[in-house]
Amino acid sequence: MLKVALADKQAIFRAGIAKVLGVEDEFRIVAQVQASDQIPMTLEKLRPNVLLFATALAPELQPLVQAAHRSKTRLVAMAESGEEPASYLSAGVQGVVYR
């Protein structure tokens, strides 16, 4: 079972994603984060397998990538349409999906 943490400013979006992923037996939502300053603590304390984060919550990727590496968490960016995935992938993010 994969432990997943969701990070997005919009509560309704987080709730929707949690509901969609929650019906799958392979996923367990362990946290829903609404601010960027909550992400490091979530990674350290809960050690999710995957952090699905809105790109707006990570204006600086390097600290996030380093924290994820320390907690052995894979990162998946939720990008806005028009954002280039290459900048996230080259910074160490493992995947990019569009909202």
C-alpha atoms as a PDB file:
ATOM      1  CA  MET A   1       0.000   0.000   0.000  1.00  0.00           C
ATOM      2  CA  LEU A   2       1.305   3.439  -0.960  1.00  0.00           C
ATOM      3  CA  LYS A   3       1.055   6.224   1.590  1.00  0.00           C
ATOM      4  CA  VAL A   4       0.163   9.430  -0.247  1.00  0.00           C
ATOM      5  CA  ALA A   5       0.294  13.028   0.998  1.00  0.00           C
ATOM      6  CA  LEU A   6      -1.573  15.737  -0.897  1.00  0.00           C
ATOM      7  CA  ALA A   7      -0.422  19.362  -0.912  1.00  0.00           C
ATOM      8  CA  ASP A   8      -2.624  22.028  -2.473  1.00  0.00           C
ATOM      9  CA  LYS A   9      -4.023  25.393  -1.356  1.00  0.00           C
ATOM     10  CA  GLN A  10      -7.558  24.529  -2.480  1.00  0.00           C
ATOM     11  CA  ALA A  11      -9.366  22.371   0.074  1.00  0.00           C
ATOM     12  CA  ILE A  12     -12.009  21.245  -2.407  1.00  0.00           C
ATOM     13  CA  PHE A  13      -9.352  20.077  -4.861  1.00  0.00           C
ATOM     14  CA  ARG A  14      -7.515  18.135  -2.125  1.00  0.00           C
ATOM     15  CA  ALA A  15     -10.786  16.564  -1.011  1.00  0.00           C
ATOM     16  CA  GLY A  16     -11.621  15.552  -4.577  1.00  0.00           C
ATOM     17  CA  ILE A  17      -8.239  13.972  -5.211  1.00  0.00           C
ATOM     18  CA  ALA A  18      -8.410  12.210  -1.828  1.00  0.00           C
ATOM     19  CA  LYS A  19     -11.824  10.821  -2.703  1.00  0.00           C
ATOM     20  CA  VAL A  20     -10.668   9.558  -6.111  1.00  0.00           C
ATOM     21  CA  LEU A  21      -7.506   7.948  -4.730  1.00  0.00           C
ATOM     22  CA  GLY A  22      -9.230   6.726  -1.582  1.00  0.00           C
ATOM     23  CA  VAL A  23     -11.368   4.201  -3.435  1.00  0.00           C
ATOM     24  CA  GLU A  24      -8.253   2.381  -4.605  1.00  0.00           C
ATOM     25  CA  ASP A  25      -6.979  -0.349  -2.283  1.00  0.00           C
ATOM     26  CA  GLU A  26      -3.366   0.443  -3.175  1.00  0.00           C
ATOM     27  CA  PHE A  27      -3.476   4.044  -1.903  1.00  0.00           C
ATOM     28  CA  ARG A  28      -3.851   5.459   1.583  1.00  0.00           C
ATOM     29  CA  ILE A  29      -4.082   9.226   2.029  1.00  0.00           C
ATOM     30  CA  VAL A  30      -1.995  10.032   5.112  1.00  0.00           C
ATOM     31  CA  ALA A  31      -2.063  13.848   4.950  1.00  0.00           C
ATOM     32  CA  GLN A  32      -3.659  16.810   3.258  1.00  0.00           C
ATOM     33  CA  VAL A  33      -1.424  19.874   3.404  1.00  0.00           C
ATOM     34  CA  GLN A  34      -2.632  23.380   2.603  1.00  0.00           C
ATOM     35  CA  ALA A  35       0.556  25.440   2.963  1.00  0.00           C
ATOM     36  CA  SER A  36       4.153  25.055   1.870  1.00  0.00           C
ATOM     37  CA  ASP A  37       5.501  25.417   5.413  1.00  0.00           C
ATOM     38  CA  GLN A  38       3.615  22.254   6.428  1.00  0.00           C
ATOM     39  CA  ILE A  39       5.293  20.077   3.798  1.00  0.00           C
ATOM     40  CA  PRO A  40       8.673  19.470   5.518  1.00  0.00           C
ATOM     41  CA  MET A  41       7.020  18.378   8.765  1.00  0.00           C
ATOM     42  CA  THR A  42       4.655  16.081   6.854  1.00  0.00           C
ATOM     43  CA  LEU A  43       7.576  14.446   5.049  1.00  0.00           C
ATOM     44  CA  GLU A  44       9.590  14.036   8.240  1.00  0.00           C
ATOM     45  CA  LYS A  45       6.819  12.763  10.522  1.00  0.00           C
ATOM     46  CA  LEU A  46       4.655  10.687   8.161  1.00  0.00           C
ATOM     47  CA  ARG A  47       7.216   9.647   5.552  1.00  0.00           C
ATOM     48  CA  PRO A  48       4.715   9.176   2.720  1.00  0.00           C
ATOM     49  CA  ASN A  49       5.764   7.137  -0.289  1.00  0.00           C
ATOM     50  CA  VAL A  50       4.431   9.857  -2.611  1.00  0.00           C
ATOM     51  CA  LEU A  51       3.844  13.591  -2.232  1.00  0.00           C
ATOM     52  CA  LEU A  52       1.423  14.959  -4.811  1.00  0.00           C
ATOM     53  CA  PHE A  53       1.961  18.734  -4.650  1.00  0.00           C
ATOM     54  CA  ALA A  54       0.666  21.817  -6.422  1.00  0.00           C
ATOM     55  CA  THR A  55       3.499  23.669  -8.101  1.00  0.00           C
ATOM     56  CA  ALA A  56       2.276  26.917  -6.506  1.00  0.00           C
ATOM     57  CA  LEU A  57       3.272  25.479  -3.116  1.00  0.00           C
ATOM     58  CA  ALA A  58       6.866  24.907  -4.179  1.00  0.00           C
ATOM     59  CA  PRO A  59       8.311  28.075  -5.708  1.00  0.00           C
ATOM     60  CA  GLU A  60      11.784  26.771  -4.788  1.00  0.00           C
ATOM     61  CA  LEU A  61      12.134  23.120  -5.714  1.00  0.00           C
ATOM     62  CA  GLN A  62      15.558  22.292  -4.288  1.00  0.00           C
ATOM     63  CA  PRO A  63      14.563  22.375  -0.585  1.00  0.00           C
ATOM     64  CA  LEU A  64      11.511  20.230  -1.363  1.00  0.00           C
ATOM     65  CA  VAL A  65      13.540  17.735  -3.404  1.00  0.00           C
ATOM     66  CA  GLN A  66      16.135  17.481  -0.633  1.00  0.00           C
ATOM     67  CA  ALA A  67      13.500  16.948   2.075  1.00  0.00           C
ATOM     68  CA  ALA A  68      11.779  14.321  -0.061  1.00  0.00           C
ATOM     69  CA  HIS A  69      15.079  12.551  -0.640  1.00  0.00           C
ATOM     70  CA  ARG A  70      15.765  12.409   3.120  1.00  0.00           C
ATOM     71  CA  SER A  71      12.330  10.873   3.773  1.00  0.00           C
ATOM     72  CA  LYS A  72      12.520   8.585   0.716  1.00  0.00           C
ATOM     73  CA  THR A  73       9.391  10.193  -0.752  1.00  0.00           C
ATOM     74  CA  ARG A  74       8.680  10.363  -4.471  1.00  0.00           C
ATOM     75  CA  LEU A  75       7.449  13.719  -5.764  1.00  0.00           C
ATOM     76  CA  VAL A  76       4.670  14.266  -8.294  1.00  0.00           C
ATOM     77  CA  ALA A  77       3.992  17.870  -9.299  1.00  0.00           C
ATOM     78  CA  MET A  78       0.471  19.029 -10.155  1.00  0.00           C
ATOM     79  CA  ALA A  79       1.222  21.675 -12.749  1.00  0.00           C
ATOM     80  CA  GLU A  80      -1.020  24.328 -14.237  1.00  0.00           C
ATOM     81  CA  SER A  81      -1.676  24.180 -17.963  1.00  0.00           C
ATOM     82  CA  GLY A  82       1.134  25.835 -19.849  1.00  0.00           C
ATOM     83  CA  GLU A  83       3.842  24.952 -17.324  1.00  0.00           C
ATOM     84  CA  GLU A  84       6.734  23.008 -18.766  1.00  0.00           C
ATOM     85  CA  PRO A  85       7.347  19.625 -17.107  1.00  0.00           C
ATOM     86  CA  ALA A  86      11.056  19.632 -17.950  1.00  0.00           C
ATOM     87  CA  SER A  87      11.926  22.161 -15.240  1.00  0.00           C
ATOM     88  CA  TYR A  88      10.379  19.931 -12.571  1.00  0.00           C
ATOM     89  CA  LEU A  89      11.795  16.690 -13.907  1.00  0.00           C
ATOM     90  CA  SER A  90      15.300  18.111 -14.213  1.00  0.00           C
ATOM     91  CA  ALA A  91      15.098  19.368 -10.606  1.00  0.00           C
ATOM     92  CA  GLY A  92      14.435  15.859  -9.290  1.00  0.00           C
ATOM     93  CA  VAL A  93      10.640  15.566  -9.337  1.00  0.00           C
ATOM     94  CA  GLN A  94       9.663  12.057 -10.463  1.00  0.00           C
ATOM     95  CA  GLY A  95       6.425  12.940 -12.245  1.00  0.00           C
ATOM     96  CA  VAL A  96       4.223  15.767 -13.474  1.00  0.00           C
ATOM     97  CA  VAL A  97       0.452  15.747 -13.957  1.00  0.00           C
ATOM     98  CA  TYR A  98      -1.766  18.624 -15.029  1.00  0.00           C
ATOM     99  CA  ARG A  99      -4.696  19.932 -13.012  1.00  0.00           C
END
